[in-house]
Amino acid sequence: MAVITNGSLLYRRSVREDLLQADVVLPSLDAVSSETFNKINRPHERLRVEKIIEGMAAFRKVYKGQIWLEILLCKGVNDTPGELQRMRESVERIKPDLIHLNTVVRPPSETWASPLSQGEMEAIQAFFGEKAAIISDFNRHPSSSSTRDIAEGILRILRRRPLSLTDLSEGMGISQNELHEHLDPLVKAGKVRARVFKDAVYYEISGDSEKV
């Protein structure tokens, strides 16, 4: 069982206790300075990033499962040397098992939110060390990709979490009709399965998905 959370209420003991039975908890932390945190996340006025970090660190002390921390990077906002250094210090307090580095890959709400290049993301990955992995998909032009490339891309994304056809379409930049052409063989091969949840169809990994 995986729980995806923004981590804002982990300072509450009751919330930390409720999460102890999860296999994986995936909190997000996009900034550690108040000004940058408020710009990126636009939190409730009573939320303080210092308290959120304290809650994540307290949760790590009692939680025995996996913590996968996601950091969304915006160019010129939270990717400066000072911001990254403070982020790394906070990450060392939280002690996640993995650090997932992401950037702006969907149309943002704010015009100032711009993605980092693959090279910039790789440099930040090296800065955070061996626990860090880039989860952004920079290959967003599937028309020049082979069927095998697209199928591998679908499997790579679904290994992170189940997604609807709409989510897959937006995440990969492929029309839903074209996605169906690549999903159907994966479903028939037992590599992917479709599951209905709250009147929506989600796709998830099933069986041996290591070979396409």
Protein backbone atom coordinates (compact mmCIF):
# COMPACT_ATOMS: atom_id res chain seq x y z
CA MET A 1 0.00 0.00 0.00
CA ALA A 2 1.44 3.34 -1.08
CA VAL A 3 0.34 6.74 0.21
CA ILE A 4 0.98 9.87 -1.86
CA THR A 5 0.92 13.01 0.29
CA ASN A 6 2.09 16.60 0.32
CA GLY A 7 3.30 15.91 3.87
CA SER A 8 1.75 19.06 5.30
CA LEU A 9 0.06 17.32 8.24
CA LEU A 10 2.85 14.95 9.26
CA TYR A 11 3.55 17.19 12.23
CA ARG A 12 0.42 15.66 13.79
CA ARG A 13 1.13 12.49 15.73
CA SER A 14 -2.25 11.03 14.77
CA VAL A 15 -1.42 11.38 11.07
CA ARG A 16 1.99 9.78 11.54
CA GLU A 17 0.41 6.87 13.40
CA ASP A 18 -2.22 6.37 10.68
CA LEU A 19 0.55 5.98 8.10
CA LEU A 20 2.58 3.37 9.96
CA GLN A 21 0.85 0.47 8.19
CA ALA A 22 1.70 1.74 4.69
CA ASP A 23 4.43 -0.01 2.71
CA VAL A 24 5.56 3.17 0.98
CA VAL A 25 4.90 6.83 1.76
CA LEU A 26 5.61 9.40 -0.98
CA PRO A 27 5.67 12.92 0.46
CA SER A 28 6.65 15.99 -1.55
CA LEU A 29 8.93 18.84 -0.54
CA ASP A 30 9.57 21.47 -3.20
CA ALA A 31 11.28 24.17 -1.14
CA VAL A 32 12.64 24.72 2.35
CA SER A 33 12.83 28.51 2.53
CA SER A 34 9.54 30.20 3.40
CA GLU A 35 9.54 32.60 0.45
CA THR A 36 10.18 29.91 -2.15
CA PHE A 37 7.80 27.45 -0.48
CA ASN A 38 4.99 30.01 -0.56
CA LYS A 39 5.65 30.84 -4.21
CA ILE A 40 5.67 27.26 -5.47
CA ASN A 41 3.05 25.62 -3.25
CA ARG A 42 0.74 28.53 -2.33
CA PRO A 43 -0.06 26.89 1.03
CA HIS A 44 -2.70 27.72 3.60
CA GLU A 45 -1.63 30.83 5.51
CA ARG A 46 -1.13 28.85 8.73
CA LEU A 47 1.17 26.26 7.17
CA ARG A 48 4.89 26.71 7.75
CA VAL A 49 7.50 24.75 5.82
CA GLU A 50 9.69 24.42 8.93
CA LYS A 51 6.85 22.57 10.68
CA ILE A 52 6.33 20.31 7.67
CA ILE A 53 10.02 19.35 7.63
CA GLU A 54 9.92 18.66 11.37
CA GLY A 55 6.91 16.42 10.81
CA MET A 56 8.66 14.43 8.07
CA ALA A 57 11.76 14.02 10.25
CA ALA A 58 9.61 12.86 13.17
CA PHE A 59 7.81 10.39 10.92
CA ARG A 60 11.11 8.90 9.74
CA LYS A 61 12.04 8.11 13.36
CA VAL A 62 8.99 5.87 13.88
CA TYR A 63 8.23 4.58 10.37
CA LYS A 64 9.92 1.36 9.22
CA GLY A 65 8.71 1.35 5.62
CA GLN A 66 10.00 3.13 2.54
CA ILE A 67 9.91 6.93 2.17
CA TRP A 68 10.23 8.22 -1.38
CA LEU A 69 10.58 12.01 -1.29
CA GLU A 70 9.57 13.92 -4.44
CA ILE A 71 11.06 17.32 -5.26
CA LEU A 72 9.57 19.39 -8.10
CA LEU A 73 12.14 21.77 -9.55
CA CYS A 74 11.24 25.04 -11.27
CA LYS A 75 13.89 26.87 -13.26
CA GLY A 76 15.16 29.98 -11.51
CA VAL A 77 12.99 29.39 -8.43
CA ASN A 78 14.20 26.48 -6.31
CA ASP A 79 17.22 25.33 -8.32
CA THR A 80 19.71 27.96 -7.11
CA PRO A 81 22.81 26.77 -5.24
CA GLY A 82 21.55 28.24 -1.96
CA GLU A 83 18.11 26.65 -2.25
CA LEU A 84 19.57 23.28 -3.22
CA GLN A 85 22.04 23.33 -0.33
CA ARG A 86 19.26 24.05 2.18
CA MET A 87 17.14 21.35 0.55
CA ARG A 88 19.93 18.79 0.89
CA GLU A 89 20.32 19.66 4.58
CA SER A 90 16.58 19.09 5.11
CA VAL A 91 16.70 15.85 3.13
CA GLU A 92 19.46 14.63 5.44
CA ARG A 93 17.10 15.24 8.37
CA ILE A 94 14.21 13.40 6.72
CA LYS A 95 16.40 10.46 5.59
CA PRO A 96 14.24 9.21 2.69
CA ASP A 97 15.04 5.90 1.03
CA LEU A 98 14.74 7.49 -2.42
CA ILE A 99 14.66 11.04 -3.76
CA HIS A 100 12.50 11.51 -6.86
CA LEU A 101 13.48 14.60 -8.85
CA ASN A 102 10.79 16.05 -11.07
CA THR A 103 10.33 19.22 -13.09
CA VAL A 104 7.51 21.00 -14.91
CA VAL A 105 6.23 18.56 -17.55
CA ARG A 106 2.57 19.58 -17.77
CA PRO A 107 1.14 23.02 -18.59
CA PRO A 108 1.62 24.98 -15.33
CA SER A 109 -0.84 27.27 -13.56
CA GLU A 110 1.75 30.06 -13.52
CA THR A 111 3.60 31.40 -16.57
CA TRP A 112 6.83 31.71 -14.56
CA ALA A 113 6.96 27.95 -13.90
CA SER A 114 9.51 26.61 -16.38
CA PRO A 115 11.19 23.18 -16.60
CA LEU A 116 14.85 22.41 -16.16
CA SER A 117 16.76 20.75 -18.98
CA GLN A 118 17.80 17.13 -18.76
CA GLY A 119 21.40 18.20 -18.23
CA GLU A 120 20.43 20.50 -15.36
CA MET A 121 18.38 17.73 -13.77
CA GLU A 122 21.30 15.30 -14.06
CA ALA A 123 23.60 17.79 -12.32
CA ILE A 124 21.12 18.11 -9.44
CA GLN A 125 20.78 14.34 -9.30
CA ALA A 126 24.54 14.09 -8.80
CA PHE A 127 24.34 16.81 -6.14
CA PHE A 128 21.85 14.76 -4.09
CA GLY A 129 23.78 11.52 -4.50
CA GLU A 130 23.00 7.87 -5.11
CA LYS A 131 19.51 7.96 -3.61
CA ALA A 132 18.33 10.47 -6.21
CA ALA A 133 16.54 9.50 -9.42
CA ILE A 134 15.06 11.66 -12.18
CA ILE A 135 11.42 10.77 -12.81
CA SER A 136 10.70 13.46 -15.41
CA ASP A 137 10.15 12.13 -18.92
CA PHE A 138 12.11 14.29 -21.35
CA ASN A 139 11.18 12.21 -24.40
CA ARG A 140 7.83 13.84 -25.08
CA HIS A 141 7.76 13.47 -28.87
CA PRO A 142 6.56 9.90 -29.46
CA SER A 143 5.84 10.34 -33.14
CA SER A 144 9.49 9.56 -33.84
CA SER A 145 9.60 6.71 -31.34
CA SER A 146 9.19 3.06 -32.15
CA THR A 147 6.36 0.91 -30.81
CA ARG A 148 8.83 -0.73 -28.46
CA ASP A 149 9.99 2.66 -27.11
CA ILE A 150 6.42 3.74 -26.38
CA ALA A 151 5.57 0.42 -24.71
CA GLU A 152 8.66 0.69 -22.52
CA GLY A 153 7.69 4.26 -21.66
CA ILE A 154 4.22 3.14 -20.58
CA LEU A 155 5.66 0.42 -18.36
CA ARG A 156 8.23 2.79 -16.86
CA ILE A 157 5.55 5.30 -15.87
CA LEU A 158 3.12 2.66 -14.53
CA ARG A 159 5.83 1.21 -12.30
CA ARG A 160 5.57 4.42 -10.27
CA ARG A 161 1.79 4.38 -9.80
CA PRO A 162 -1.51 3.40 -11.49
CA LEU A 163 -2.77 6.02 -13.95
CA SER A 164 -5.88 6.71 -15.97
CA LEU A 165 -5.78 6.92 -19.75
CA THR A 166 -6.05 10.71 -19.46
CA ASP A 167 -3.08 10.86 -17.09
CA LEU A 168 -1.00 8.66 -19.38
CA SER A 169 -1.95 10.74 -22.40
CA GLU A 170 -0.93 14.00 -20.70
CA GLY A 171 2.22 12.52 -19.19
CA MET A 172 3.52 11.03 -22.43
CA GLY A 173 2.17 13.55 -24.91
CA ILE A 174 0.33 10.84 -26.86
CA SER A 175 -3.31 10.91 -27.89
CA GLN A 176 -5.63 8.53 -26.09
CA ASN A 177 -6.46 6.74 -29.35
CA GLU A 178 -2.79 6.08 -30.04
CA LEU A 179 -2.24 4.98 -26.44
CA HIS A 180 -4.95 2.35 -26.82
CA GLU A 181 -2.99 0.83 -29.70
CA HIS A 182 0.02 0.34 -27.42
CA LEU A 183 -1.86 -0.54 -24.22
CA ASP A 184 -3.98 -3.31 -25.71
CA PRO A 185 -1.00 -5.60 -26.52
CA LEU A 186 0.43 -5.00 -23.05
CA VAL A 187 -2.90 -5.94 -21.45
CA LYS A 188 -3.23 -9.07 -23.62
CA ALA A 189 0.34 -10.07 -22.72
CA GLY A 190 -0.46 -9.78 -19.01
CA LYS A 191 2.05 -6.98 -18.45
CA VAL A 192 -0.58 -4.32 -17.69
CA ARG A 193 -4.07 -4.66 -16.29
CA ALA A 194 -7.04 -2.29 -16.25
CA ARG A 195 -8.84 -1.71 -12.95
CA VAL A 196 -12.03 0.27 -12.28
CA PHE A 197 -11.89 2.62 -9.31
CA LYS A 198 -14.67 5.13 -8.56
CA ASP A 199 -16.13 4.88 -12.07
CA ALA A 200 -12.75 5.50 -13.73
CA VAL A 201 -10.43 3.01 -15.42
CA TYR A 202 -6.84 2.91 -14.21
CA TYR A 203 -3.92 1.01 -15.70
CA GLU A 204 -1.30 -0.65 -13.52
CA ILE A 205 1.58 -3.10 -13.75
CA SER A 206 0.60 -6.76 -13.68
CA GLY A 207 2.81 -9.83 -13.95
CA ASP A 208 6.13 -9.84 -15.76
CA SER A 209 6.54 -6.32 -17.10
CA GLU A 210 10.31 -6.36 -17.43
CA LYS A 211 10.23 -7.53 -21.04
CA VAL A 212 8.33 -5.89 -23.87
